[in-house]
Amino acid sequence: MGGFDFDYWKHLAEHDPAAFFQARDMALRQCIAMHPGQEGPLSALQSRIDMTRVLAGSPVQACKDILDMMEEHLILLSLKLSELQRETDSLRGLLQGGSAP
């Protein structure tokens, strides 16, 4: 995220939490809007992240829960990639006139 000013956001969160959350929501909406066709899934993901934060009870637990969620998605992505690689290898074998592994 180019141009992210951590000190600005930290100061805003510490001194005006309401303004922080308003600015945060605006920044998230702008980021989501920059990805046409993906607004639905991105908004759903952000809602899930927000709900996880609310239910966690503490910022540390929220981070752990969100990291767990990310790990689950990465594992699923890895499984899909492995499946795609197997299918690609199989098709490559068919195209080369050999037998599929």
C-alpha atoms as a PDB file:
ATOM      1  CA  MET A   1       0.000   0.000   0.000  1.00  0.00           C
ATOM      2  CA  GLY A   2       2.060   2.924  -1.276  1.00  0.00           C
ATOM      3  CA  GLY A   3       1.838   6.163   0.644  1.00  0.00           C
ATOM      4  CA  PHE A   4       0.553   4.620   3.878  1.00  0.00           C
ATOM      5  CA  ASP A   5       1.396   6.948   6.762  1.00  0.00           C
ATOM      6  CA  PHE A   6       1.450   4.763   9.877  1.00  0.00           C
ATOM      7  CA  ASP A   7       2.092   7.694  12.221  1.00  0.00           C
ATOM      8  CA  TYR A   8      -0.945   9.578  10.890  1.00  0.00           C
ATOM      9  CA  TRP A   9      -3.229   6.582  11.403  1.00  0.00           C
ATOM     10  CA  LYS A  10      -1.763   5.837  14.833  1.00  0.00           C
ATOM     11  CA  HIS A  11      -2.250   9.440  15.937  1.00  0.00           C
ATOM     12  CA  LEU A  12      -5.813   9.498  14.605  1.00  0.00           C
ATOM     13  CA  ALA A  13      -6.677   6.222  16.376  1.00  0.00           C
ATOM     14  CA  GLU A  14      -5.252   7.446  19.674  1.00  0.00           C
ATOM     15  CA  HIS A  15      -6.709  10.952  19.615  1.00  0.00           C
ATOM     16  CA  ASP A  16      -9.985  10.620  17.685  1.00  0.00           C
ATOM     17  CA  PRO A  17     -11.177   7.011  17.449  1.00  0.00           C
ATOM     18  CA  ALA A  18     -14.456   7.988  15.770  1.00  0.00           C
ATOM     19  CA  ALA A  19     -12.595   9.863  13.023  1.00  0.00           C
ATOM     20  CA  PHE A  20     -10.168   6.937  12.714  1.00  0.00           C
ATOM     21  CA  PHE A  21     -12.963   4.444  12.060  1.00  0.00           C
ATOM     22  CA  GLN A  22     -14.671   6.830   9.649  1.00  0.00           C
ATOM     23  CA  ALA A  23     -11.416   7.370   7.711  1.00  0.00           C
ATOM     24  CA  ARG A  24     -10.679   3.638   7.848  1.00  0.00           C
ATOM     25  CA  ASP A  25     -14.074   2.768   6.392  1.00  0.00           C
ATOM     26  CA  MET A  26     -13.592   5.338   3.624  1.00  0.00           C
ATOM     27  CA  ALA A  27     -10.113   3.983   2.793  1.00  0.00           C
ATOM     28  CA  LEU A  28     -11.435   0.417   2.693  1.00  0.00           C
ATOM     29  CA  ARG A  29     -14.350   1.406   0.431  1.00  0.00           C
ATOM     30  CA  GLN A  30     -11.922   3.199  -1.909  1.00  0.00           C
ATOM     31  CA  CYS A  31      -9.618   0.179  -2.003  1.00  0.00           C
ATOM     32  CA  ILE A  32     -12.514  -2.175  -2.762  1.00  0.00           C
ATOM     33  CA  ALA A  33     -13.825   0.183  -5.460  1.00  0.00           C
ATOM     34  CA  MET A  34     -10.440  -0.001  -7.214  1.00  0.00           C
ATOM     35  CA  HIS A  35     -11.203  -3.658  -8.081  1.00  0.00           C
ATOM     36  CA  PRO A  36     -14.219  -3.663 -10.423  1.00  0.00           C
ATOM     37  CA  GLY A  37     -16.037  -6.957 -10.545  1.00  0.00           C
ATOM     38  CA  GLN A  38     -14.613  -8.013  -7.182  1.00  0.00           C
ATOM     39  CA  GLU A  39     -16.574  -5.636  -4.982  1.00  0.00           C
ATOM     40  CA  GLY A  40     -18.922  -8.344  -3.673  1.00  0.00           C
ATOM     41  CA  PRO A  41     -16.280 -10.850  -2.579  1.00  0.00           C
ATOM     42  CA  LEU A  42     -14.000  -8.121  -1.206  1.00  0.00           C
ATOM     43  CA  SER A  43     -16.841  -6.525   0.763  1.00  0.00           C
ATOM     44  CA  ALA A  44     -17.801  -9.948   2.127  1.00  0.00           C
ATOM     45  CA  LEU A  45     -14.194 -10.587   3.150  1.00  0.00           C
ATOM     46  CA  GLN A  46     -13.983  -7.207   4.867  1.00  0.00           C
ATOM     47  CA  SER A  47     -17.258  -7.913   6.688  1.00  0.00           C
ATOM     48  CA  ARG A  48     -15.849 -11.243   7.870  1.00  0.00           C
ATOM     49  CA  ILE A  49     -12.673  -9.515   9.079  1.00  0.00           C
ATOM     50  CA  ASP A  50     -14.714  -6.848  10.886  1.00  0.00           C
ATOM     51  CA  MET A  51     -16.921  -9.478  12.542  1.00  0.00           C
ATOM     52  CA  THR A  52     -13.859 -11.463  13.596  1.00  0.00           C
ATOM     53  CA  ARG A  53     -12.432  -8.328  15.210  1.00  0.00           C
ATOM     54  CA  VAL A  54     -15.672  -7.652  17.091  1.00  0.00           C
ATOM     55  CA  LEU A  55     -16.043 -11.210  18.361  1.00  0.00           C
ATOM     56  CA  ALA A  56     -12.385 -11.654  19.331  1.00  0.00           C
ATOM     57  CA  GLY A  57     -12.571  -9.553  22.467  1.00  0.00           C
ATOM     58  CA  SER A  58      -9.061  -8.145  22.207  1.00  0.00           C
ATOM     59  CA  PRO A  59      -6.799  -6.811  19.460  1.00  0.00           C
ATOM     60  CA  VAL A  60      -4.288  -9.622  20.039  1.00  0.00           C
ATOM     61  CA  GLN A  61      -6.964 -12.309  19.752  1.00  0.00           C
ATOM     62  CA  ALA A  62      -8.372 -10.564  16.667  1.00  0.00           C
ATOM     63  CA  CYS A  63      -4.936 -10.725  15.014  1.00  0.00           C
ATOM     64  CA  LYS A  64      -4.624 -14.416  15.862  1.00  0.00           C
ATOM     65  CA  ASP A  65      -8.093 -15.179  14.522  1.00  0.00           C
ATOM     66  CA  ILE A  66      -7.514 -13.209  11.307  1.00  0.00           C
ATOM     67  CA  LEU A  67      -4.149 -14.923  10.793  1.00  0.00           C
ATOM     68  CA  ASP A  68      -5.880 -18.290  11.259  1.00  0.00           C
ATOM     69  CA  MET A  69      -8.437 -17.265   8.638  1.00  0.00           C
ATOM     70  CA  MET A  70      -5.630 -16.278   6.251  1.00  0.00           C
ATOM     71  CA  GLU A  71      -3.865 -19.586   6.872  1.00  0.00           C
ATOM     72  CA  GLU A  72      -7.049 -21.505   6.020  1.00  0.00           C
ATOM     73  CA  HIS A  73      -7.359 -19.618   2.735  1.00  0.00           C
ATOM     74  CA  LEU A  74      -3.698 -20.169   1.878  1.00  0.00           C
ATOM     75  CA  ILE A  75      -4.036 -23.897   2.532  1.00  0.00           C
ATOM     76  CA  LEU A  76      -7.093 -24.055   0.271  1.00  0.00           C
ATOM     77  CA  LEU A  77      -5.253 -22.064  -2.385  1.00  0.00           C
ATOM     78  CA  SER A  78      -2.299 -24.443  -2.143  1.00  0.00           C
ATOM     79  CA  LEU A  79      -4.598 -27.447  -2.577  1.00  0.00           C
ATOM     80  CA  LYS A  80      -6.227 -25.841  -5.634  1.00  0.00           C
ATOM     81  CA  LEU A  81      -2.804 -25.066  -7.085  1.00  0.00           C
ATOM     82  CA  SER A  82      -1.721 -28.690  -6.630  1.00  0.00           C
ATOM     83  CA  GLU A  83      -4.912 -29.841  -8.338  1.00  0.00           C
ATOM     84  CA  LEU A  84      -4.305 -27.423 -11.212  1.00  0.00           C
ATOM     85  CA  GLN A  85      -0.715 -28.652 -11.563  1.00  0.00           C
ATOM     86  CA  ARG A  86      -1.893 -32.281 -11.743  1.00  0.00           C
ATOM     87  CA  GLU A  87      -4.453 -31.401 -14.398  1.00  0.00           C
ATOM     88  CA  THR A  88      -1.870 -29.398 -16.354  1.00  0.00           C
ATOM     89  CA  ASP A  89       0.578 -32.309 -16.256  1.00  0.00           C
ATOM     90  CA  SER A  90      -2.160 -34.668 -17.410  1.00  0.00           C
ATOM     91  CA  LEU A  91      -3.117 -32.408 -20.324  1.00  0.00           C
ATOM     92  CA  ARG A  92       0.540 -31.927 -21.256  1.00  0.00           C
ATOM     93  CA  GLY A  93       0.931 -35.698 -21.423  1.00  0.00           C
ATOM     94  CA  LEU A  94      -2.132 -36.028 -23.652  1.00  0.00           C
ATOM     95  CA  LEU A  95      -0.949 -33.256 -25.973  1.00  0.00           C
ATOM     96  CA  GLN A  96       2.476 -34.856 -26.316  1.00  0.00           C
ATOM     97  CA  GLY A  97       0.876 -38.123 -27.355  1.00  0.00           C
ATOM     98  CA  GLY A  98       1.875 -39.947 -24.230  1.00  0.00           C
ATOM     99  CA  SER A  99      -0.247 -41.424 -21.556  1.00  0.00           C
ATOM    100  CA  ALA A 100      -1.498 -39.335 -18.678  1.00  0.00           C
ATOM    101  CA  PRO A 101       0.321 -39.964 -15.360  1.00  0.00           C
END
